[in-house]
Amino acid sequence: MAIITRYVVEHKGVEKLVTTDKREADRYDKMLDVADNLATFIQAKGVDIDDGLLEDLSVLLSKNKEKVAKLFKGVDAESLLEEEKAEVVKLETKQA
């Protein structure tokens, strides 16, 4: 019989991720914490937005924090999106 350790990331009472990799679980948990902080900040600034959309937006920003930081430094959005497309093509080529 094998013993398997699983890490479960639960957020607001909902299971969001189950993995055997502790670092992956920690990263995901931190991303969700950052998303919560972003949502709180956006709401505190008076932006009236649907809760579901607010959650989607804050998770999107949190998952892409490095790219968002580049945008704040003046990098063009189109160049970031082109880089992203190139990364996807590289991944698809490796899998084929």
N, C-alpha and C. Protein backbone atom coordinates (compact mmCIF):
# COMPACT_ATOMS: atom_id res chain seq x y z
N MET A 1 0.84 -1.17 0.00
CA MET A 1 0.00 0.00 0.00
C MET A 1 0.89 1.24 0.00
N ALA A 2 0.53 2.19 -0.85
CA ALA A 2 1.30 3.42 -0.97
C ALA A 2 0.63 4.53 -0.16
N ILE A 3 1.46 5.37 0.39
CA ILE A 3 0.97 6.54 1.11
C ILE A 3 1.25 7.76 0.24
N ILE A 4 0.20 8.51 -0.03
CA ILE A 4 0.33 9.69 -0.88
C ILE A 4 -0.09 10.91 -0.07
N THR A 5 0.80 11.88 -0.04
CA THR A 5 0.50 13.14 0.63
C THR A 5 -0.12 14.08 -0.38
N ARG A 6 -1.26 14.64 -0.03
CA ARG A 6 -1.93 15.59 -0.91
C ARG A 6 -2.12 16.89 -0.16
N TYR A 7 -1.90 17.96 -0.89
CA TYR A 7 -2.10 19.30 -0.34
C TYR A 7 -3.35 19.88 -0.98
N VAL A 8 -4.25 20.33 -0.17
CA VAL A 8 -5.52 20.89 -0.64
C VAL A 8 -5.55 22.37 -0.31
N VAL A 9 -5.75 23.17 -1.35
CA VAL A 9 -5.91 24.60 -1.15
C VAL A 9 -7.40 24.88 -1.16
N GLU A 10 -7.88 25.39 -0.03
CA GLU A 10 -9.28 25.71 0.12
C GLU A 10 -9.40 27.22 0.29
N HIS A 11 -10.36 27.80 -0.42
CA HIS A 11 -10.54 29.25 -0.38
C HIS A 11 -12.02 29.55 -0.23
N LYS A 12 -12.35 30.23 0.84
CA LYS A 12 -13.75 30.58 1.13
C LYS A 12 -14.64 29.34 1.14
N GLY A 13 -14.12 28.26 1.72
CA GLY A 13 -14.89 27.04 1.87
C GLY A 13 -14.98 26.17 0.63
N VAL A 14 -14.25 26.54 -0.43
CA VAL A 14 -14.30 25.79 -1.68
C VAL A 14 -12.90 25.25 -2.00
N GLU A 15 -12.83 23.96 -2.34
CA GLU A 15 -11.57 23.36 -2.74
C GLU A 15 -11.17 23.93 -4.09
N LYS A 16 -10.01 24.57 -4.13
CA LYS A 16 -9.54 25.20 -5.36
C LYS A 16 -8.44 24.41 -6.05
N LEU A 17 -7.64 23.67 -5.28
CA LEU A 17 -6.51 22.95 -5.86
C LEU A 17 -6.16 21.77 -4.97
N VAL A 18 -5.91 20.62 -5.60
CA VAL A 18 -5.39 19.45 -4.90
C VAL A 18 -4.14 19.03 -5.64
N THR A 19 -3.04 18.91 -4.93
CA THR A 19 -1.76 18.58 -5.55
C THR A 19 -0.89 17.79 -4.58
N THR A 20 0.12 17.15 -5.12
CA THR A 20 1.10 16.47 -4.27
C THR A 20 2.35 17.32 -4.08
N ASP A 21 2.37 18.50 -4.70
CA ASP A 21 3.52 19.39 -4.63
C ASP A 21 3.25 20.53 -3.65
N LYS A 22 3.96 20.52 -2.54
CA LYS A 22 3.74 21.52 -1.50
C LYS A 22 4.03 22.94 -2.00
N ARG A 23 5.10 23.09 -2.79
CA ARG A 23 5.45 24.43 -3.29
C ARG A 23 4.36 24.97 -4.21
N GLU A 24 3.80 24.10 -5.04
CA GLU A 24 2.71 24.52 -5.92
C GLU A 24 1.50 24.97 -5.10
N ALA A 25 1.19 24.21 -4.06
CA ALA A 25 0.06 24.57 -3.19
C ALA A 25 0.32 25.90 -2.49
N ASP A 26 1.54 26.11 -2.01
CA ASP A 26 1.89 27.37 -1.35
C ASP A 26 1.79 28.55 -2.31
N ARG A 27 2.30 28.37 -3.55
CA ARG A 27 2.22 29.45 -4.55
C ARG A 27 0.77 29.79 -4.87
N TYR A 28 -0.05 28.77 -5.04
CA TYR A 28 -1.46 28.99 -5.37
C TYR A 28 -2.18 29.69 -4.22
N ASP A 29 -1.89 29.26 -3.00
CA ASP A 29 -2.49 29.88 -1.83
C ASP A 29 -2.10 31.36 -1.73
N LYS A 30 -0.84 31.65 -1.99
CA LYS A 30 -0.37 33.04 -1.95
C LYS A 30 -1.05 33.86 -3.05
N MET A 31 -1.21 33.28 -4.24
CA MET A 31 -1.87 33.97 -5.34
C MET A 31 -3.30 34.33 -4.94
N LEU A 32 -3.99 33.40 -4.27
CA LEU A 32 -5.36 33.67 -3.83
C LEU A 32 -5.39 34.76 -2.76
N ASP A 33 -4.39 34.78 -1.87
CA ASP A 33 -4.31 35.84 -0.85
C ASP A 33 -4.12 37.21 -1.51
N VAL A 34 -3.25 37.26 -2.52
CA VAL A 34 -3.02 38.52 -3.24
C VAL A 34 -4.30 38.95 -3.95
N ALA A 35 -5.00 38.00 -4.54
CA ALA A 35 -6.27 38.31 -5.22
C ALA A 35 -7.28 38.89 -4.24
N ASP A 36 -7.35 38.32 -3.05
CA ASP A 36 -8.25 38.86 -2.02
C ASP A 36 -7.88 40.30 -1.66
N ASN A 37 -6.59 40.55 -1.51
CA ASN A 37 -6.13 41.90 -1.19
C ASN A 37 -6.46 42.88 -2.32
N LEU A 38 -6.28 42.44 -3.56
CA LEU A 38 -6.63 43.30 -4.70
C LEU A 38 -8.12 43.61 -4.71
N ALA A 39 -8.95 42.61 -4.46
CA ALA A 39 -10.39 42.82 -4.44
C ALA A 39 -10.79 43.81 -3.36
N THR A 40 -10.19 43.67 -2.19
CA THR A 40 -10.47 44.60 -1.09
C THR A 40 -10.07 46.01 -1.47
N PHE A 41 -8.91 46.16 -2.09
CA PHE A 41 -8.41 47.47 -2.51
C PHE A 41 -9.33 48.10 -3.55
N ILE A 42 -9.74 47.31 -4.55
CA ILE A 42 -10.61 47.83 -5.61
C ILE A 42 -11.94 48.29 -5.03
N GLN A 43 -12.51 47.49 -4.13
CA GLN A 43 -13.77 47.87 -3.51
C GLN A 43 -13.62 49.12 -2.64
N ALA A 44 -12.52 49.21 -1.91
CA ALA A 44 -12.29 50.36 -1.03
C ALA A 44 -12.13 51.65 -1.81
N LYS A 45 -11.72 51.55 -3.07
CA LYS A 45 -11.56 52.74 -3.91
C LYS A 45 -12.86 53.17 -4.55
N GLY A 46 -13.95 52.47 -4.21
CA GLY A 46 -15.26 52.89 -4.67
C GLY A 46 -15.68 52.36 -6.03
N VAL A 47 -14.97 51.39 -6.55
CA VAL A 47 -15.35 50.82 -7.84
C VAL A 47 -16.52 49.87 -7.60
N ASP A 48 -17.65 50.15 -8.23
CA ASP A 48 -18.84 49.33 -8.07
C ASP A 48 -18.82 48.25 -9.14
N ILE A 49 -18.54 47.04 -8.72
CA ILE A 49 -18.37 45.93 -9.67
C ILE A 49 -19.01 44.68 -9.08
N ASP A 50 -19.59 43.87 -9.92
CA ASP A 50 -20.22 42.61 -9.51
C ASP A 50 -19.19 41.73 -8.80
N ASP A 51 -19.60 41.05 -7.74
CA ASP A 51 -18.68 40.23 -6.94
C ASP A 51 -17.97 39.16 -7.77
N GLY A 52 -18.70 38.50 -8.67
CA GLY A 52 -18.08 37.47 -9.51
C GLY A 52 -17.04 38.05 -10.44
N LEU A 53 -17.36 39.18 -11.05
CA LEU A 53 -16.42 39.86 -11.93
C LEU A 53 -15.22 40.37 -11.16
N LEU A 54 -15.46 40.89 -9.96
CA LEU A 54 -14.37 41.37 -9.11
C LEU A 54 -13.41 40.23 -8.77
N GLU A 55 -13.96 39.06 -8.44
CA GLU A 55 -13.12 37.92 -8.13
C GLU A 55 -12.30 37.48 -9.35
N ASP A 56 -12.97 37.41 -10.52
CA ASP A 56 -12.26 37.03 -11.75
C ASP A 56 -11.14 38.01 -12.07
N LEU A 57 -11.43 39.29 -11.94
CA LEU A 57 -10.45 40.33 -12.23
C LEU A 57 -9.26 40.25 -11.28
N SER A 58 -9.54 40.12 -9.99
CA SER A 58 -8.46 40.09 -9.00
C SER A 58 -7.59 38.84 -9.16
N VAL A 59 -8.19 37.71 -9.50
CA VAL A 59 -7.41 36.48 -9.74
C VAL A 59 -6.56 36.64 -10.99
N LEU A 60 -7.14 37.21 -12.06
CA LEU A 60 -6.40 37.45 -13.29
C LEU A 60 -5.18 38.33 -13.03
N LEU A 61 -5.39 39.43 -12.31
CA LEU A 61 -4.27 40.33 -12.00
C LEU A 61 -3.22 39.64 -11.14
N SER A 62 -3.67 38.85 -10.17
CA SER A 62 -2.74 38.17 -9.28
C SER A 62 -1.92 37.12 -10.02
N LYS A 63 -2.56 36.37 -10.91
CA LYS A 63 -1.85 35.34 -11.69
C LYS A 63 -0.84 35.95 -12.64
N ASN A 64 -1.07 37.17 -13.05
CA ASN A 64 -0.22 37.84 -14.03
C ASN A 64 0.54 39.02 -13.45
N LYS A 65 0.88 38.93 -12.16
CA LYS A 65 1.47 40.09 -11.48
C LYS A 65 2.77 40.57 -12.11
N GLU A 66 3.60 39.66 -12.62
CA GLU A 66 4.86 40.09 -13.26
C GLU A 66 4.58 40.90 -14.52
N LYS A 67 3.61 40.46 -15.29
CA LYS A 67 3.27 41.17 -16.52
C LYS A 67 2.61 42.51 -16.21
N VAL A 68 1.76 42.54 -15.21
CA VAL A 68 1.12 43.79 -14.81
C VAL A 68 2.19 44.79 -14.32
N ALA A 69 3.18 44.29 -13.59
CA ALA A 69 4.27 45.16 -13.13
C ALA A 69 5.02 45.75 -14.32
N LYS A 70 5.22 44.95 -15.37
CA LYS A 70 5.89 45.47 -16.57
C LYS A 70 5.06 46.56 -17.22
N LEU A 71 3.73 46.40 -17.22
CA LEU A 71 2.86 47.44 -17.79
C LEU A 71 3.01 48.75 -17.03
N PHE A 72 3.12 48.67 -15.70
CA PHE A 72 3.32 49.88 -14.89
C PHE A 72 4.67 50.53 -15.16
N LYS A 73 5.62 49.75 -15.65
CA LYS A 73 6.94 50.29 -15.97
C LYS A 73 7.00 50.85 -17.39
N GLY A 74 5.88 50.75 -18.12
CA GLY A 74 5.83 51.34 -19.45
C GLY A 74 5.94 50.38 -20.61
N VAL A 75 6.01 49.08 -20.35
CA VAL A 75 6.08 48.11 -21.43
C VAL A 75 4.73 48.10 -22.14
N ASP A 76 4.77 48.04 -23.46
CA ASP A 76 3.56 48.04 -24.28
C ASP A 76 2.79 46.73 -24.11
N ALA A 77 1.48 46.83 -23.96
CA ALA A 77 0.64 45.63 -23.77
C ALA A 77 0.74 44.70 -24.96
N GLU A 78 0.81 45.25 -26.15
CA GLU A 78 0.89 44.41 -27.35
C GLU A 78 2.15 43.53 -27.34
N SER A 79 3.27 44.09 -26.90
CA SER A 79 4.51 43.29 -26.86
C SER A 79 4.41 42.18 -25.81
N LEU A 80 3.76 42.46 -24.69
CA LEU A 80 3.56 41.42 -23.68
C LEU A 80 2.67 40.30 -24.21
N LEU A 81 1.62 40.68 -24.91
CA LEU A 81 0.72 39.68 -25.48
C LEU A 81 1.41 38.86 -26.56
N GLU A 82 2.29 39.48 -27.34
CA GLU A 82 3.05 38.75 -28.36
C GLU A 82 4.00 37.74 -27.71
N GLU A 83 4.65 38.15 -26.61
CA GLU A 83 5.52 37.23 -25.86
C GLU A 83 4.73 36.03 -25.37
N GLU A 84 3.52 36.30 -24.89
CA GLU A 84 2.66 35.24 -24.38
C GLU A 84 2.29 34.26 -25.49
N LYS A 85 1.98 34.78 -26.66
CA LYS A 85 1.66 33.92 -27.80
C LYS A 85 2.87 33.07 -28.17
N ALA A 86 4.05 33.66 -28.15
CA ALA A 86 5.27 32.92 -28.48
C ALA A 86 5.52 31.81 -27.47
N GLU A 87 5.25 32.05 -26.21
CA GLU A 87 5.43 31.02 -25.18
C GLU A 87 4.47 29.86 -25.41
N VAL A 88 3.24 30.14 -25.79
CA VAL A 88 2.26 29.09 -26.05
C VAL A 88 2.70 28.25 -27.24
N VAL A 89 3.19 28.88 -28.29
CA VAL A 89 3.65 28.15 -29.47
C VAL A 89 4.81 27.24 -29.10
N LYS A 90 5.75 27.72 -28.28
CA LYS A 90 6.88 26.91 -27.85
C LYS A 90 6.41 25.69 -27.06
N LEU A 91 5.44 25.87 -26.16
CA LEU A 91 4.91 24.75 -25.38
C LEU A 91 4.22 23.74 -26.28
N GLU A 92 3.43 24.19 -27.24
CA GLU A 92 2.73 23.29 -28.14
C GLU A 92 3.72 22.52 -29.00
N THR A 93 4.81 23.15 -29.42
CA THR A 93 5.82 22.49 -30.22
C THR A 93 6.52 21.40 -29.43
N LYS A 94 6.83 21.67 -28.17
CA LYS A 94 7.49 20.67 -27.32
C LYS A 94 6.61 19.46 -27.09
N GLN A 95 5.29 19.65 -26.95
CA GLN A 95 4.38 18.55 -26.66
C GLN A 95 4.13 17.69 -27.90
N ALA A 96 4.27 18.26 -29.06
CA ALA A 96 3.96 17.53 -30.29
C ALA A 96 4.97 16.46 -30.61
